[in-house]
C-alpha atoms as a PDB file:
ATOM      1  CA  MET A   1      11.189   2.519   2.415  1.00  0.00           C
ATOM      2  CA  HIS A   2      14.928   1.942   2.015  1.00  0.00           C
ATOM      3  CA  HIS A   3      14.604   2.385  -1.751  1.00  0.00           C
ATOM      4  CA  ALA A   4      12.853   5.757  -1.307  1.00  0.00           C
ATOM      5  CA  HIS A   5      15.550   6.932   1.105  1.00  0.00           C
ATOM      6  CA  GLN A   6      18.292   5.895  -1.321  1.00  0.00           C
ATOM      7  CA  LYS A   7      16.504   7.663  -4.202  1.00  0.00           C
ATOM      8  CA  ALA A   8      16.207  10.852  -2.119  1.00  0.00           C
ATOM      9  CA  LYS A   9      19.935  10.716  -1.385  1.00  0.00           C
ATOM     10  CA  GLU A  10      20.709  10.333  -5.094  1.00  0.00           C
ATOM     11  CA  VAL A  11      18.524  13.325  -6.012  1.00  0.00           C
ATOM     12  CA  LEU A  12      20.096  15.416  -3.267  1.00  0.00           C
ATOM     13  CA  CYS A  13      23.590  14.400  -4.378  1.00  0.00           C
ATOM     14  CA  SER A  14      22.887  15.415  -7.978  1.00  0.00           C
ATOM     15  CA  ILE A  15      21.586  18.811  -6.809  1.00  0.00           C
ATOM     16  CA  LEU A  16      24.615  19.388  -4.568  1.00  0.00           C
ATOM     17  CA  CYS A  17      26.942  18.629  -7.470  1.00  0.00           C
ATOM     18  CA  ASP A  18      25.020  20.926  -9.823  1.00  0.00           C
ATOM     19  CA  CYS A  19      26.953  24.182 -10.177  1.00  0.00           C
ATOM     20  CA  ARG A  20      23.829  26.093 -11.243  1.00  0.00           C
ATOM     21  CA  TYR A  21      23.116  26.558  -7.537  1.00  0.00           C
ATOM     22  CA  THR A  22      25.294  28.792  -5.398  1.00  0.00           C
ATOM     23  CA  ARG A  23      27.448  27.242  -2.722  1.00  0.00           C
ATOM     24  CA  ARG A  24      25.244  28.883  -0.081  1.00  0.00           C
ATOM     25  CA  VAL A  25      22.089  27.253  -1.496  1.00  0.00           C
ATOM     26  CA  ARG A  26      23.832  23.884  -1.859  1.00  0.00           C
ATOM     27  CA  SER A  27      25.065  24.019   1.742  1.00  0.00           C
ATOM     28  CA  ARG A  28      21.479  24.445   2.985  1.00  0.00           C
ATOM     29  CA  MET A  29      20.171  21.443   1.027  1.00  0.00           C
ATOM     30  CA  THR A  30      20.615  18.599   3.455  1.00  0.00           C
ATOM     31  CA  LEU A  31      18.586  15.414   3.502  1.00  0.00           C
ATOM     32  CA  ARG A  32      17.593  16.111   7.098  1.00  0.00           C
ATOM     33  CA  ARG A  33      16.229  19.532   6.123  1.00  0.00           C
ATOM     34  CA  LEU A  34      14.401  18.273   3.009  1.00  0.00           C
ATOM     35  CA  ARG A  35      12.955  15.027   4.418  1.00  0.00           C
ATOM     36  CA  SER A  36       9.896  16.593   6.057  1.00  0.00           C
ATOM     37  CA  PRO A  37       8.811  18.702   3.036  1.00  0.00           C
ATOM     38  CA  MET A  38       9.372  15.698   0.750  1.00  0.00           C
ATOM     39  CA  TYR A  39       7.260  13.470   3.028  1.00  0.00           C
ATOM     40  CA  LEU A  40       4.455  16.045   3.271  1.00  0.00           C
ATOM     41  CA  SER A  41       4.430  16.503  -0.486  1.00  0.00           C
ATOM     42  CA  ARG A  42       4.176  12.754  -1.026  1.00  0.00           C
ATOM     43  CA  MET A  43       1.377  12.382   1.539  1.00  0.00           C
ATOM     44  CA  ARG A  44      -0.643  15.150  -0.143  1.00  0.00           C
ATOM     45  CA  SER A  45      -0.718  13.044  -3.315  1.00  0.00           C
ATOM     46  CA  PHE A  46      -2.763  10.358  -1.507  1.00  0.00           C
ATOM     47  CA  PRO A  47      -6.492  10.556  -0.741  1.00  0.00           C
ATOM     48  CA  PRO A  48      -7.626  11.157   2.847  1.00  0.00           C
ATOM     49  CA  ILE A  49      -7.894   8.146   5.172  1.00  0.00           C
ATOM     50  CA  PRO A  50     -11.369   6.580   4.868  1.00  0.00           C
ATOM     51  CA  TYR A  51     -13.256   6.211   8.143  1.00  0.00           C
ATOM     52  CA  THR A  52     -15.735   3.516   7.051  1.00  0.00           C
ATOM     53  CA  LEU A  53     -15.444   0.467   4.829  1.00  0.00           C
ATOM     54  CA  LEU A  54     -17.924   2.067   2.424  1.00  0.00           C
ATOM     55  CA  ASP A  55     -15.636   5.134   2.225  1.00  0.00           C
ATOM     56  CA  LEU A  56     -12.718   2.746   1.658  1.00  0.00           C
ATOM     57  CA  THR A  57     -14.564   1.242  -1.321  1.00  0.00           C
ATOM     58  CA  ARG A  58     -15.181   4.711  -2.770  1.00  0.00           C
ATOM     59  CA  THR A  59     -11.521   5.618  -2.272  1.00  0.00           C
ATOM     60  CA  LEU A  60     -10.308   2.423  -3.946  1.00  0.00           C
ATOM     61  CA  LEU A  61     -12.593   3.020  -6.932  1.00  0.00           C
ATOM     62  CA  GLN A  62     -11.571   6.673  -7.311  1.00  0.00           C
ATOM     63  CA  HIS A  63      -7.837   6.143  -6.643  1.00  0.00           C
ATOM     64  CA  PRO A  64      -6.781   2.746  -8.031  1.00  0.00           C
ATOM     65  CA  ARG A  65      -3.077   3.418  -7.425  1.00  0.00           C
ATOM     66  CA  VAL A  66      -3.708   3.084  -3.678  1.00  0.00           C
ATOM     67  CA  SER A  67      -4.261  -0.666  -4.115  1.00  0.00           C
ATOM     68  CA  THR A  68      -1.655  -1.358  -6.780  1.00  0.00           C
ATOM     69  CA  THR A  69       0.816  -4.199  -6.230  1.00  0.00           C
ATOM     70  CA  VAL A  70       4.394  -3.291  -5.312  1.00  0.00           C
ATOM     71  CA  ASP A  71       5.581  -3.964  -8.865  1.00  0.00           C
ATOM     72  CA  GLY A  72       2.807  -1.687 -10.208  1.00  0.00           C
ATOM     73  CA  GLU A  73       1.483  -4.401 -12.515  1.00  0.00           C
ATOM     74  CA  GLU A  74      -1.844  -5.262 -10.892  1.00  0.00           C
ATOM     75  CA  ASN A  75      -4.539  -3.982  -8.578  1.00  0.00           C
ATOM     76  CA  ILE A  76      -5.346  -6.037  -5.465  1.00  0.00           C
ATOM     77  CA  TYR A  77      -8.789  -4.507  -4.932  1.00  0.00           C
ATOM     78  CA  ALA A  78     -11.192  -7.183  -6.215  1.00  0.00           C
ATOM     79  CA  GLY A  79     -14.528  -5.743  -5.102  1.00  0.00           C
ATOM     80  CA  SER A  80     -16.927  -4.919  -2.287  1.00  0.00           C
ATOM     81  CA  ILE A  81     -20.335  -6.164  -1.220  1.00  0.00           C
ATOM     82  CA  ASN A  82     -23.102  -5.159   1.161  1.00  0.00           C
ATOM     83  CA  ALA A  83     -24.398  -8.138   3.172  1.00  0.00           C
ATOM     84  CA  PRO A  84     -28.099  -8.618   4.053  1.00  0.00           C
ATOM     85  CA  ASP A  85     -27.310  -7.639   7.669  1.00  0.00           C
ATOM     86  CA  GLY A  86     -26.115  -4.211   6.462  1.00  0.00           C
ATOM     87  CA  SER A  87     -22.397  -4.883   6.910  1.00  0.00           C
ATOM     88  CA  HIS A  88     -19.949  -3.946   4.164  1.00  0.00           C
ATOM     89  CA  HIS A  89     -17.143  -6.260   3.037  1.00  0.00           C
ATOM     90  CA  VAL A  90     -14.044  -5.524   0.939  1.00  0.00           C
ATOM     91  CA  LEU A  91     -12.055  -8.180  -0.939  1.00  0.00           C
ATOM     92  CA  PHE A  92      -8.392  -7.853  -1.899  1.00  0.00           C
ATOM     93  CA  ILE A  93      -6.769 -10.365  -4.250  1.00  0.00           C
ATOM     94  CA  SER A  94      -4.628  -9.810  -7.320  1.00  0.00           C
ATOM     95  CA  PRO A  95      -5.259 -11.543 -10.665  1.00  0.00           C
ATOM     96  CA  ARG A  96      -1.831 -13.165 -10.221  1.00  0.00           C
ATOM     97  CA  MET A  97      -2.947 -14.730  -6.949  1.00  0.00           C
ATOM     98  CA  ILE A  98      -6.209 -15.922  -8.508  1.00  0.00           C
ATOM     99  CA  ASP A  99      -4.105 -17.795 -11.083  1.00  0.00           C
ATOM    100  CA  PHE A 100      -1.921 -19.099  -8.261  1.00  0.00           C
ATOM    101  CA  LEU A 101      -5.020 -20.442  -6.463  1.00  0.00           C
ATOM    102  CA  GLY A 102      -5.501 -22.945  -9.290  1.00  0.00           C
ATOM    103  CA  LYS A 103      -2.101 -24.482  -8.525  1.00  0.00           C
ATOM    104  CA  VAL A 104      -2.398 -24.964  -4.761  1.00  0.00           C
ATOM    105  CA  LYS A 105      -3.544 -28.203  -3.171  1.00  0.00           C
ATOM    106  CA  ILE A 106      -4.255 -26.933   0.337  1.00  0.00           C
ATOM    107  CA  LEU A 107      -5.925 -23.633   1.126  1.00  0.00           C
ATOM    108  CA  GLN A 108      -6.289 -22.378   4.683  1.00  0.00           C
ATOM    109  CA  GLY A 109      -8.314 -19.492   6.035  1.00  0.00           C
ATOM    110  CA  ASP A 110      -7.671 -17.492   9.166  1.00  0.00           C
ATOM    111  CA  GLY A 111     -10.274 -15.119  10.511  1.00  0.00           C
ATOM    112  CA  THR A 112      -8.622 -12.926  13.079  1.00  0.00           C
ATOM    113  CA  PHE A 113     -10.375 -10.507  15.383  1.00  0.00           C
ATOM    114  CA  ARG A 114      -7.246  -9.177  17.068  1.00  0.00           C
ATOM    115  CA  ALA A 115      -5.042  -7.998  14.167  1.00  0.00           C
ATOM    116  CA  ARG A 116      -7.344  -5.824  12.104  1.00  0.00           C
ATOM    117  CA  PRO A 117      -7.411  -2.196  11.012  1.00  0.00           C
ATOM    118  CA  SER A 118      -8.891   0.249  13.492  1.00  0.00           C
ATOM    119  CA  ILE A 119      -9.479   2.808  10.727  1.00  0.00           C
ATOM    120  CA  PRO A 120     -11.793   2.155   9.021  1.00  0.00           C
ATOM    121  CA  PRO A 121     -13.436   0.311  11.918  1.00  0.00           C
ATOM    122  CA  SER A 122     -13.654  -3.402  11.170  1.00  0.00           C
ATOM    123  CA  CYS A 123     -14.737  -6.463  13.102  1.00  0.00           C
ATOM    124  CA  GLN A 124     -12.653  -9.124  11.427  1.00  0.00           C
ATOM    125  CA  CYS A 125      -9.872  -9.584   8.919  1.00  0.00           C
ATOM    126  CA  PHE A 126     -10.068 -12.906   7.046  1.00  0.00           C
ATOM    127  CA  VAL A 127      -6.888 -14.048   5.312  1.00  0.00           C
ATOM    128  CA  LEU A 128      -6.365 -16.964   2.892  1.00  0.00           C
ATOM    129  CA  VAL A 129      -2.971 -18.669   3.074  1.00  0.00           C
ATOM    130  CA  THR A 130      -1.304 -21.716   1.530  1.00  0.00           C
ATOM    131  CA  THR A 131       2.042 -23.416   1.716  1.00  0.00           C
ATOM    132  CA  TYR A 132       4.331 -23.000  -1.266  1.00  0.00           C
ATOM    133  CA  LYS A 133       7.944 -24.138  -1.467  1.00  0.00           C
ATOM    134  CA  ASN A 134       8.069 -24.812   2.305  1.00  0.00           C
ATOM    135  CA  SER A 135       6.795 -21.378   3.303  1.00  0.00           C
ATOM    136  CA  VAL A 136       3.406 -19.867   4.067  1.00  0.00           C
ATOM    137  CA  SER A 137       2.094 -17.482   1.395  1.00  0.00           C
ATOM    138  CA  LYS A 138      -0.872 -15.201   1.852  1.00  0.00           C
ATOM    139  CA  LEU A 139      -3.146 -14.768  -1.121  1.00  0.00           C
ATOM    140  CA  ASN A 140      -3.560 -11.075  -1.882  1.00  0.00           C
END
């Protein structure tokens, strides 16, 4: 978030220094005044929030950028499955982490019922973790 704020400041600074705009227009262009329209514009570029895990799967398939890694190199959405009991499950793991799995000696799983998304409604969030260089790393 800090990076986005810094980038917005840089854009605003370049506009304020641009003499193509009148002084009156430049004086009205403040970060505080532009923040809300910039945020709304960015949010409109994302798909609507899915309300079921099946809708989440559809969203991830139609909008792959939603599940792209921070560096933009990989997608963490690995797939979805419908279980015999009718429940729907979604798996997130990047190809980089799959490669990393081959190097770990100890793999731990944690199925939590407390810390899970409320939208879409879910019963459990299962996370795989390992220790690497004296710290815990989650595999996603």
